[in-house]
Amino acid sequence: MVQEFQIGSTGAGPRVTSALIALGGNVGDVRARFARAIPAICDRARARLVARSSDYSTPPWGEEQQPSFVNACIEIETPLDPHALLQTLHDIEREHGRDRRNERRWGPRTLDLDLLAFDDLAIDEHGLTLPHPRLFERAFVLVPLSEIAPNRTIGGRTAAAALRTVAADGVEKLPPA
């Protein structure tokens, strides 16, 4: 059993950090994949699920000649550091059929897990940039993120304020699965 600790805890356990993660995909039964991936994230990251957005149907971004995506966001509390959490997310993607090395940029995805923010930490390293470098450009992330954390400050901005600066045409909330 994983023991839960408060963020910033200085007690007997590790420090627990809030992380925001975007989920997406457009190949196969994406919503069923989310239903399996979220518990896997929580289990492997020794995390507590704080919030889960609704699922949204969203138009493709970047490469537009492909099926619509399903997108969502979650907030977790985890004792992992951001590098270990990112590796965990990549491992789960691979287990759900994603091959990052052999895919087209912005092409079809079975499962895409992006680490958006880790508390309000700023990192710019090869392989890890926080907050996510295109977070504030993407309505397909900002709409579900604004549902669960509208006033969360990320890189000096809130999700709700950032959402007001992008077009959200075609982003549609899906009924519960």
N, C-alpha and C. Protein backbone atom coordinates (compact mmCIF):
# COMPACT_ATOMS: atom_id res chain seq x y z
N MET A 1 0.83 -1.18 0.00
CA MET A 1 0.00 0.00 0.00
C MET A 1 0.88 1.25 0.00
N VAL A 2 0.58 2.21 -0.88
CA VAL A 2 1.34 3.44 -0.96
C VAL A 2 0.81 4.42 0.05
N GLN A 3 1.70 4.96 0.85
CA GLN A 3 1.30 5.94 1.84
C GLN A 3 1.26 7.31 1.18
N GLU A 4 0.23 8.09 1.47
CA GLU A 4 0.09 9.41 0.86
C GLU A 4 0.61 10.48 1.81
N PHE A 5 1.28 11.48 1.24
CA PHE A 5 1.84 12.57 2.02
C PHE A 5 1.35 13.87 1.42
N GLN A 6 1.38 14.91 2.20
CA GLN A 6 0.98 16.23 1.73
C GLN A 6 2.10 16.83 0.89
N ILE A 7 1.71 17.68 -0.06
CA ILE A 7 2.71 18.40 -0.86
C ILE A 7 3.58 19.20 0.09
N GLY A 8 4.89 19.11 -0.16
CA GLY A 8 5.82 19.85 0.67
C GLY A 8 6.05 19.22 2.04
N SER A 9 5.56 18.00 2.24
CA SER A 9 5.70 17.33 3.53
C SER A 9 7.18 17.22 3.92
N THR A 10 7.47 17.51 5.16
CA THR A 10 8.82 17.32 5.67
C THR A 10 8.84 16.22 6.72
N GLY A 11 7.74 15.46 6.78
CA GLY A 11 7.64 14.37 7.75
C GLY A 11 8.47 13.18 7.31
N ALA A 12 8.03 12.01 7.71
CA ALA A 12 8.79 10.79 7.48
C ALA A 12 8.84 10.39 6.01
N GLY A 13 7.91 10.84 5.21
CA GLY A 13 7.85 10.39 3.83
C GLY A 13 8.47 11.37 2.85
N PRO A 14 8.49 10.97 1.59
CA PRO A 14 9.07 11.83 0.55
C PRO A 14 8.18 13.03 0.26
N ARG A 15 8.75 14.03 -0.35
CA ARG A 15 7.99 15.20 -0.79
C ARG A 15 7.10 14.76 -1.95
N VAL A 16 5.85 15.18 -1.92
CA VAL A 16 4.89 14.83 -2.96
C VAL A 16 4.63 16.08 -3.79
N THR A 17 4.69 15.93 -5.10
CA THR A 17 4.57 17.05 -6.01
C THR A 17 3.35 16.90 -6.90
N SER A 18 2.74 18.02 -7.22
CA SER A 18 1.60 18.03 -8.13
C SER A 18 2.11 18.07 -9.57
N ALA A 19 1.59 17.16 -10.39
CA ALA A 19 1.96 17.11 -11.80
C ALA A 19 0.70 17.13 -12.65
N LEU A 20 0.76 17.84 -13.76
CA LEU A 20 -0.33 17.88 -14.72
C LEU A 20 0.10 17.13 -15.97
N ILE A 21 -0.79 16.26 -16.43
CA ILE A 21 -0.49 15.38 -17.57
C ILE A 21 -1.62 15.46 -18.57
N ALA A 22 -1.25 15.62 -19.84
CA ALA A 22 -2.22 15.59 -20.93
C ALA A 22 -2.23 14.20 -21.54
N LEU A 23 -3.44 13.72 -21.86
CA LEU A 23 -3.60 12.43 -22.53
C LEU A 23 -4.25 12.68 -23.88
N GLY A 24 -3.82 11.94 -24.88
CA GLY A 24 -4.41 12.07 -26.19
C GLY A 24 -4.21 10.81 -27.00
N GLY A 25 -4.98 10.71 -28.07
CA GLY A 25 -4.83 9.60 -29.00
C GLY A 25 -5.92 9.66 -30.04
N ASN A 26 -5.67 8.99 -31.18
CA ASN A 26 -6.68 8.93 -32.24
C ASN A 26 -6.66 7.61 -32.99
N VAL A 27 -6.05 6.59 -32.41
CA VAL A 27 -5.99 5.27 -33.02
C VAL A 27 -6.65 4.27 -32.08
N GLY A 28 -7.65 3.54 -32.56
CA GLY A 28 -8.31 2.54 -31.75
C GLY A 28 -9.26 3.15 -30.74
N ASP A 29 -9.56 2.39 -29.69
CA ASP A 29 -10.49 2.83 -28.66
C ASP A 29 -9.73 3.65 -27.61
N VAL A 30 -9.57 4.92 -27.90
CA VAL A 30 -8.74 5.80 -27.08
C VAL A 30 -9.31 5.93 -25.67
N ARG A 31 -10.62 6.04 -25.54
CA ARG A 31 -11.20 6.23 -24.20
C ARG A 31 -10.97 4.99 -23.33
N ALA A 32 -11.05 3.81 -23.90
CA ALA A 32 -10.75 2.59 -23.15
C ALA A 32 -9.27 2.57 -22.77
N ARG A 33 -8.42 3.06 -23.67
CA ARG A 33 -6.99 3.13 -23.38
C ARG A 33 -6.74 4.10 -22.22
N PHE A 34 -7.43 5.24 -22.20
CA PHE A 34 -7.31 6.16 -21.06
C PHE A 34 -7.70 5.46 -19.77
N ALA A 35 -8.78 4.68 -19.83
CA ALA A 35 -9.27 3.98 -18.63
C ALA A 35 -8.23 3.00 -18.08
N ARG A 36 -7.37 2.48 -18.92
CA ARG A 36 -6.28 1.60 -18.47
C ARG A 36 -5.02 2.38 -18.11
N ALA A 37 -4.74 3.44 -18.87
CA ALA A 37 -3.49 4.18 -18.68
C ALA A 37 -3.49 4.98 -17.38
N ILE A 38 -4.60 5.59 -17.02
CA ILE A 38 -4.62 6.44 -15.82
C ILE A 38 -4.31 5.63 -14.55
N PRO A 39 -4.94 4.47 -14.34
CA PRO A 39 -4.54 3.67 -13.16
C PRO A 39 -3.08 3.20 -13.23
N ALA A 40 -2.59 2.93 -14.44
CA ALA A 40 -1.19 2.52 -14.59
C ALA A 40 -0.26 3.67 -14.19
N ILE A 41 -0.59 4.88 -14.60
CA ILE A 41 0.21 6.05 -14.21
C ILE A 41 0.23 6.17 -12.69
N CYS A 42 -0.94 6.10 -12.08
CA CYS A 42 -1.03 6.25 -10.62
C CYS A 42 -0.27 5.15 -9.90
N ASP A 43 -0.38 3.93 -10.39
CA ASP A 43 0.30 2.81 -9.75
C ASP A 43 1.81 2.96 -9.86
N ARG A 44 2.32 3.18 -11.06
CA ARG A 44 3.77 3.22 -11.27
C ARG A 44 4.42 4.48 -10.74
N ALA A 45 3.68 5.57 -10.71
CA ALA A 45 4.22 6.83 -10.18
C ALA A 45 3.96 6.96 -8.68
N ARG A 46 3.38 5.91 -8.08
CA ARG A 46 3.01 5.92 -6.66
C ARG A 46 2.22 7.20 -6.37
N ALA A 47 1.28 7.46 -7.27
CA ALA A 47 0.57 8.73 -7.28
C ALA A 47 -0.87 8.60 -6.81
N ARG A 48 -1.40 9.73 -6.39
CA ARG A 48 -2.81 9.86 -6.09
C ARG A 48 -3.42 10.72 -7.18
N LEU A 49 -4.52 10.24 -7.76
CA LEU A 49 -5.23 11.01 -8.76
C LEU A 49 -6.00 12.11 -8.05
N VAL A 50 -5.68 13.36 -8.37
CA VAL A 50 -6.32 14.52 -7.75
C VAL A 50 -7.54 14.93 -8.57
N ALA A 51 -7.39 14.94 -9.90
CA ALA A 51 -8.49 15.38 -10.77
C ALA A 51 -8.32 14.76 -12.15
N ARG A 52 -9.48 14.53 -12.80
CA ARG A 52 -9.49 14.02 -14.18
C ARG A 52 -10.53 14.83 -14.93
N SER A 53 -10.14 15.38 -16.06
CA SER A 53 -11.07 16.14 -16.88
C SER A 53 -12.01 15.21 -17.62
N SER A 54 -12.99 15.80 -18.23
CA SER A 54 -13.82 15.08 -19.20
C SER A 54 -12.95 14.75 -20.41
N ASP A 55 -13.44 13.87 -21.24
CA ASP A 55 -12.80 13.60 -22.52
C ASP A 55 -13.36 14.58 -23.56
N TYR A 56 -12.50 14.99 -24.48
CA TYR A 56 -12.88 15.94 -25.52
C TYR A 56 -12.49 15.39 -26.88
N SER A 57 -13.38 15.54 -27.85
CA SER A 57 -13.06 15.28 -29.24
C SER A 57 -12.43 16.55 -29.78
N THR A 58 -11.26 16.41 -30.42
CA THR A 58 -10.54 17.58 -30.89
C THR A 58 -10.02 17.35 -32.30
N PRO A 59 -9.99 18.41 -33.09
CA PRO A 59 -9.45 18.26 -34.44
C PRO A 59 -7.94 18.02 -34.39
N PRO A 60 -7.40 17.34 -35.40
CA PRO A 60 -5.94 17.12 -35.42
C PRO A 60 -5.19 18.46 -35.46
N TRP A 61 -4.00 18.45 -34.92
CA TRP A 61 -3.17 19.64 -34.83
C TRP A 61 -1.85 19.32 -35.50
N GLY A 62 -1.33 20.22 -36.29
CA GLY A 62 -0.07 19.97 -36.98
C GLY A 62 -0.32 19.28 -38.30
N GLU A 63 -0.48 17.98 -38.27
CA GLU A 63 -0.81 17.19 -39.46
C GLU A 63 -2.33 16.98 -39.44
N GLU A 64 -3.04 17.69 -40.31
CA GLU A 64 -4.50 17.72 -40.22
C GLU A 64 -5.22 16.59 -40.97
N GLN A 65 -4.55 15.86 -41.83
CA GLN A 65 -5.20 14.79 -42.60
C GLN A 65 -5.14 13.47 -41.84
N GLN A 66 -5.89 13.41 -40.74
CA GLN A 66 -5.97 12.21 -39.90
C GLN A 66 -7.23 12.32 -39.06
N PRO A 67 -7.63 11.22 -38.43
CA PRO A 67 -8.85 11.25 -37.61
C PRO A 67 -8.73 12.22 -36.43
N SER A 68 -9.89 12.64 -35.92
CA SER A 68 -9.94 13.48 -34.73
C SER A 68 -9.30 12.76 -33.55
N PHE A 69 -8.86 13.52 -32.60
CA PHE A 69 -8.26 13.00 -31.38
C PHE A 69 -9.27 13.00 -30.25
N VAL A 70 -8.97 12.23 -29.23
CA VAL A 70 -9.63 12.34 -27.93
C VAL A 70 -8.55 12.84 -26.99
N ASN A 71 -8.87 13.88 -26.22
CA ASN A 71 -7.91 14.46 -25.29
C ASN A 71 -8.54 14.63 -23.91
N ALA A 72 -7.69 14.59 -22.90
CA ALA A 72 -8.09 14.79 -21.52
C ALA A 72 -6.86 15.24 -20.75
N CYS A 73 -7.05 15.66 -19.51
CA CYS A 73 -5.95 16.00 -18.61
C CYS A 73 -6.22 15.41 -17.24
N ILE A 74 -5.13 15.11 -16.55
CA ILE A 74 -5.22 14.67 -15.17
C ILE A 74 -4.23 15.46 -14.32
N GLU A 75 -4.54 15.53 -13.05
CA GLU A 75 -3.60 16.05 -12.06
C GLU A 75 -3.33 14.93 -11.08
N ILE A 76 -2.05 14.70 -10.80
CA ILE A 76 -1.66 13.69 -9.82
C ILE A 76 -0.74 14.32 -8.78
N GLU A 77 -0.62 13.66 -7.66
CA GLU A 77 0.41 13.97 -6.67
C GLU A 77 1.33 12.77 -6.62
N THR A 78 2.62 13.00 -6.79
CA THR A 78 3.59 11.90 -6.87
C THR A 78 4.89 12.25 -6.15
N PRO A 79 5.55 11.24 -5.57
CA PRO A 79 6.86 11.49 -4.99
C PRO A 79 7.99 11.41 -6.02
N LEU A 80 7.68 11.00 -7.25
CA LEU A 80 8.72 10.89 -8.28
C LEU A 80 9.24 12.26 -8.67
N ASP A 81 10.49 12.30 -9.15
CA ASP A 81 11.01 13.53 -9.73
C ASP A 81 10.51 13.61 -11.18
N PRO A 82 10.61 14.77 -11.83
CA PRO A 82 10.04 14.92 -13.17
C PRO A 82 10.65 13.99 -14.21
N HIS A 83 11.94 13.69 -14.11
CA HIS A 83 12.57 12.77 -15.07
C HIS A 83 12.00 11.36 -14.94
N ALA A 84 11.87 10.89 -13.71
CA ALA A 84 11.32 9.55 -13.48
C ALA A 84 9.86 9.49 -13.91
N LEU A 85 9.10 10.55 -13.66
CA LEU A 85 7.71 10.56 -14.09
C LEU A 85 7.61 10.54 -15.60
N LEU A 86 8.43 11.33 -16.29
CA LEU A 86 8.42 11.33 -17.75
C LEU A 86 8.77 9.95 -18.30
N GLN A 87 9.76 9.29 -17.72
CA GLN A 87 10.12 7.93 -18.16
C GLN A 87 8.95 6.97 -17.94
N THR A 88 8.26 7.10 -16.83
CA THR A 88 7.09 6.27 -16.56
C THR A 88 6.02 6.49 -17.63
N LEU A 89 5.78 7.74 -17.99
CA LEU A 89 4.79 8.04 -19.02
C LEU A 89 5.19 7.43 -20.36
N HIS A 90 6.46 7.54 -20.72
CA HIS A 90 6.93 6.95 -21.98
C HIS A 90 6.81 5.43 -21.97
N ASP A 91 7.10 4.81 -20.83
CA ASP A 91 6.94 3.35 -20.72
C ASP A 91 5.49 2.94 -20.95
N ILE A 92 4.56 3.67 -20.36
CA ILE A 92 3.14 3.36 -20.51
C ILE A 92 2.69 3.57 -21.95
N GLU A 93 3.17 4.63 -22.59
CA GLU A 93 2.87 4.85 -24.02
C GLU A 93 3.30 3.64 -24.84
N ARG A 94 4.53 3.19 -24.64
CA ARG A 94 5.06 2.03 -25.39
C ARG A 94 4.19 0.80 -25.19
N GLU A 95 3.77 0.57 -23.96
CA GLU A 95 2.94 -0.60 -23.67
C GLU A 95 1.58 -0.53 -24.36
N HIS A 96 1.18 0.68 -24.74
CA HIS A 96 -0.09 0.87 -25.44
C HIS A 96 0.12 1.09 -26.94
N GLY A 97 1.28 0.68 -27.45
CA GLY A 97 1.51 0.65 -28.88
C GLY A 97 2.18 1.85 -29.50
N ARG A 98 2.62 2.80 -28.70
CA ARG A 98 3.28 3.97 -29.28
C ARG A 98 4.76 3.69 -29.49
N ASP A 99 5.25 4.09 -30.65
CA ASP A 99 6.67 3.94 -31.00
C ASP A 99 7.19 5.33 -31.38
N ARG A 100 7.66 6.07 -30.42
CA ARG A 100 8.10 7.45 -30.64
C ARG A 100 9.21 7.55 -31.68
N ARG A 101 10.06 6.54 -31.78
CA ARG A 101 11.19 6.61 -32.72
C ARG A 101 10.76 6.49 -34.17
N ASN A 102 9.64 5.82 -34.43
CA ASN A 102 9.24 5.55 -35.81
C ASN A 102 7.91 6.18 -36.19
N GLU A 103 7.52 7.24 -35.54
CA GLU A 103 6.24 7.87 -35.85
C GLU A 103 6.46 9.20 -36.56
N ARG A 104 5.41 9.65 -37.24
CA ARG A 104 5.44 10.96 -37.88
C ARG A 104 5.14 12.03 -36.84
N ARG A 105 5.84 13.13 -36.92
CA ARG A 105 5.57 14.25 -36.01
C ARG A 105 4.13 14.70 -36.19
N TRP A 106 3.41 14.82 -35.10
CA TRP A 106 2.01 15.23 -35.05
C TRP A 106 1.09 14.27 -35.80
N GLY A 107 1.55 13.05 -36.02
CA GLY A 107 0.75 12.04 -36.72
C GLY A 107 -0.14 11.27 -35.76
N PRO A 108 -0.76 10.20 -36.28
CA PRO A 108 -1.65 9.38 -35.46
C PRO A 108 -0.94 8.80 -34.24
N ARG A 109 -1.70 8.64 -33.16
CA ARG A 109 -1.16 8.14 -31.89
C ARG A 109 -2.14 7.16 -31.26
N THR A 110 -1.60 6.08 -30.72
CA THR A 110 -2.43 5.20 -29.90
C THR A 110 -2.63 5.85 -28.53
N LEU A 111 -1.55 6.42 -27.99
CA LEU A 111 -1.59 7.07 -26.68
C LEU A 111 -0.45 8.08 -26.62
N ASP A 112 -0.78 9.30 -26.28
CA ASP A 112 0.20 10.36 -26.10
C ASP A 112 0.05 10.87 -24.68
N LEU A 113 1.11 10.80 -23.90
CA LEU A 113 1.10 11.29 -22.52
C LEU A 113 2.16 12.37 -22.40
N ASP A 114 1.71 13.60 -22.20
CA ASP A 114 2.63 14.73 -22.09
C ASP A 114 2.64 15.27 -20.68
N LEU A 115 3.83 15.41 -20.12
CA LEU A 115 3.99 16.06 -18.83
C LEU A 115 3.93 17.56 -19.07
N LEU A 116 2.86 18.19 -18.59
CA LEU A 116 2.64 19.62 -18.85
C LEU A 116 3.33 20.50 -17.84
N ALA A 117 3.21 20.14 -16.57
CA ALA A 117 3.77 20.96 -15.49
C ALA A 117 4.05 20.07 -14.30
N PHE A 118 5.02 20.48 -13.52
CA PHE A 118 5.45 19.77 -12.32
C PHE A 118 5.62 20.83 -11.25
N ASP A 119 4.61 20.96 -10.38
CA ASP A 119 4.49 22.15 -9.53
C ASP A 119 4.60 23.34 -10.48
N ASP A 120 5.46 24.31 -10.17
CA ASP A 120 5.69 25.40 -11.13
C ASP A 120 7.17 25.41 -11.51
N LEU A 121 7.74 24.23 -11.60
CA LEU A 121 9.14 24.05 -11.92
C LEU A 121 9.42 24.43 -13.37
N ALA A 122 10.52 25.11 -13.60
CA ALA A 122 10.97 25.43 -14.96
C ALA A 122 12.24 24.63 -15.24
N ILE A 123 12.18 23.82 -16.30
CA ILE A 123 13.32 23.00 -16.72
C ILE A 123 13.44 23.14 -18.23
N ASP A 124 14.68 23.29 -18.72
CA ASP A 124 14.92 23.31 -20.16
C ASP A 124 16.17 22.48 -20.42
N GLU A 125 15.95 21.17 -20.58
CA GLU A 125 17.04 20.22 -20.81
C GLU A 125 16.70 19.38 -22.03
N HIS A 126 17.69 18.73 -22.59
CA HIS A 126 17.43 17.80 -23.68
C HIS A 126 16.49 16.71 -23.16
N GLY A 127 15.34 16.57 -23.80
CA GLY A 127 14.40 15.52 -23.42
C GLY A 127 13.36 15.93 -22.40
N LEU A 128 13.52 17.08 -21.74
CA LEU A 128 12.53 17.52 -20.77
C LEU A 128 12.50 19.04 -20.69
N THR A 129 11.37 19.60 -21.08
CA THR A 129 11.13 21.03 -20.95
C THR A 129 9.83 21.21 -20.18
N LEU A 130 9.90 21.97 -19.09
CA LEU A 130 8.73 22.27 -18.27
C LEU A 130 8.67 23.76 -18.01
N PRO A 131 7.50 24.36 -18.09
CA PRO A 131 6.27 23.73 -18.56
C PRO A 131 6.42 23.27 -20.02
N HIS A 132 5.49 22.41 -20.43
CA HIS A 132 5.53 21.87 -21.80
C HIS A 132 5.63 23.05 -22.77
N PRO A 133 6.55 22.99 -23.73
CA PRO A 133 6.82 24.16 -24.57
C PRO A 133 5.67 24.65 -25.45
N ARG A 134 4.71 23.79 -25.78
CA ARG A 134 3.59 24.22 -26.63
C ARG A 134 2.26 24.23 -25.89
N LEU A 135 2.32 24.14 -24.57
CA LEU A 135 1.12 24.10 -23.74
C LEU A 135 0.17 25.25 -24.05
N PHE A 136 0.68 26.47 -24.12
CA PHE A 136 -0.18 27.64 -24.25
C PHE A 136 -0.65 27.90 -25.68
N GLU A 137 -0.27 27.04 -26.62
CA GLU A 137 -0.70 27.16 -28.02
C GLU A 137 -1.84 26.22 -28.36
N ARG A 138 -2.17 25.29 -27.49
CA ARG A 138 -3.02 24.16 -27.85
C ARG A 138 -4.34 24.13 -27.09
N ALA A 139 -5.42 24.46 -27.80
CA ALA A 139 -6.75 24.41 -27.18
C ALA A 139 -7.08 23.00 -26.74
N PHE A 140 -6.59 21.99 -27.47
CA PHE A 140 -6.91 20.61 -27.11
C PHE A 140 -6.32 20.21 -25.76
N VAL A 141 -5.36 20.97 -25.27
CA VAL A 141 -4.83 20.77 -23.92
C VAL A 141 -5.46 21.77 -22.95
N LEU A 142 -5.57 23.00 -23.37
CA LEU A 142 -6.05 24.05 -22.46
C LEU A 142 -7.52 23.88 -22.07
N VAL A 143 -8.36 23.35 -22.96
CA VAL A 143 -9.77 23.16 -22.60
C VAL A 143 -9.90 22.15 -21.46
N PRO A 144 -9.37 20.92 -21.60
CA PRO A 144 -9.50 20.00 -20.45
C PRO A 144 -8.70 20.45 -19.23
N LEU A 145 -7.57 21.10 -19.44
CA LEU A 145 -6.79 21.58 -18.30
C LEU A 145 -7.55 22.66 -17.54
N SER A 146 -8.24 23.53 -18.26
CA SER A 146 -9.04 24.58 -17.62
C SER A 146 -10.21 24.00 -16.84
N GLU A 147 -10.66 22.83 -17.24
CA GLU A 147 -11.75 22.17 -16.50
C GLU A 147 -11.29 21.74 -15.11
N ILE A 148 -10.05 21.24 -14.99
CA ILE A 148 -9.59 20.70 -13.71
C ILE A 148 -8.71 21.65 -12.91
N ALA A 149 -8.06 22.60 -13.58
CA ALA A 149 -7.13 23.50 -12.87
C ALA A 149 -7.13 24.89 -13.51
N PRO A 150 -8.29 25.54 -13.57
CA PRO A 150 -8.37 26.82 -14.30
C PRO A 150 -7.48 27.92 -13.74
N ASN A 151 -7.25 27.91 -12.43
CA ASN A 151 -6.49 29.00 -11.81
C ASN A 151 -5.08 28.59 -11.41
N ARG A 152 -4.66 27.42 -11.83
CA ARG A 152 -3.31 26.95 -11.52
C ARG A 152 -2.31 27.78 -12.32
N THR A 153 -1.34 28.34 -11.64
CA THR A 153 -0.31 29.12 -12.31
C THR A 153 0.76 28.18 -12.86
N ILE A 154 1.00 28.32 -14.17
CA ILE A 154 2.00 27.53 -14.87
C ILE A 154 2.83 28.51 -15.69
N GLY A 155 4.09 28.60 -15.41
CA GLY A 155 4.93 29.52 -16.17
C GLY A 155 4.42 30.96 -16.13
N GLY A 156 3.84 31.37 -15.01
CA GLY A 156 3.37 32.72 -14.84
C GLY A 156 1.98 32.99 -15.40
N ARG A 157 1.31 31.97 -15.95
CA ARG A 157 -0.03 32.14 -16.52
C ARG A 157 -0.96 31.09 -15.94
N THR A 158 -2.26 31.37 -16.00
CA THR A 158 -3.22 30.34 -15.63
C THR A 158 -3.76 29.69 -16.89
N ALA A 159 -4.24 28.47 -16.74
CA ALA A 159 -4.82 27.76 -17.89
C ALA A 159 -6.01 28.53 -18.44
N ALA A 160 -6.85 29.07 -17.57
CA ALA A 160 -8.04 29.81 -18.01
C ALA A 160 -7.65 31.04 -18.82
N ALA A 161 -6.65 31.78 -18.36
CA ALA A 161 -6.20 32.98 -19.10
C ALA A 161 -5.59 32.58 -20.43
N ALA A 162 -4.81 31.53 -20.45
CA ALA A 162 -4.20 31.07 -21.70
C ALA A 162 -5.26 30.61 -22.70
N LEU A 163 -6.30 29.96 -22.20
CA LEU A 163 -7.36 29.48 -23.08
C LEU A 163 -8.05 30.62 -23.81
N ARG A 164 -8.16 31.76 -23.18
CA ARG A 164 -8.80 32.92 -23.82
C ARG A 164 -7.99 33.46 -24.99
N THR A 165 -6.74 33.02 -25.16
CA THR A 165 -5.88 33.53 -26.23
C THR A 165 -5.80 32.61 -27.44
N VAL A 166 -6.47 31.45 -27.39
CA VAL A 166 -6.41 30.50 -28.51
C VAL A 166 -7.82 30.18 -29.01
N ALA A 167 -7.91 29.80 -30.27
CA ALA A 167 -9.20 29.39 -30.83
C ALA A 167 -9.48 27.95 -30.40
N ALA A 168 -10.68 27.71 -29.89
CA ALA A 168 -11.06 26.37 -29.44
C ALA A 168 -12.10 25.75 -30.38
N ASP A 169 -12.12 26.20 -31.64
CA ASP A 169 -13.06 25.66 -32.62
C ASP A 169 -12.88 24.16 -32.76
N GLY A 170 -13.97 23.44 -32.73
CA GLY A 170 -13.94 22.00 -32.94
C GLY A 170 -13.66 21.18 -31.70
N VAL A 171 -13.34 21.79 -30.58
CA VAL A 171 -13.10 21.06 -29.34
C VAL A 171 -14.46 20.83 -28.69
N GLU A 172 -14.87 19.56 -28.60
CA GLU A 172 -16.20 19.23 -28.11
C GLU A 172 -16.12 18.23 -26.95
N LYS A 173 -16.79 18.59 -25.86
CA LYS A 173 -16.85 17.70 -24.69
C LYS A 173 -17.65 16.45 -25.07
N LEU A 174 -17.10 15.30 -24.73
CA LEU A 174 -17.77 14.02 -25.01
C LEU A 174 -18.63 13.62 -23.81
N PRO A 175 -19.71 12.88 -24.05
CA PRO A 175 -20.49 12.38 -22.93
C PRO A 175 -19.65 11.37 -22.13
N PRO A 176 -19.99 11.15 -20.87
CA PRO A 176 -19.24 10.16 -20.08
C PRO A 176 -19.19 8.81 -20.80
N ALA A 177 -18.07 8.14 -20.66
CA ALA A 177 -17.87 6.84 -21.33
C ALA A 177 -18.72 5.77 -20.68
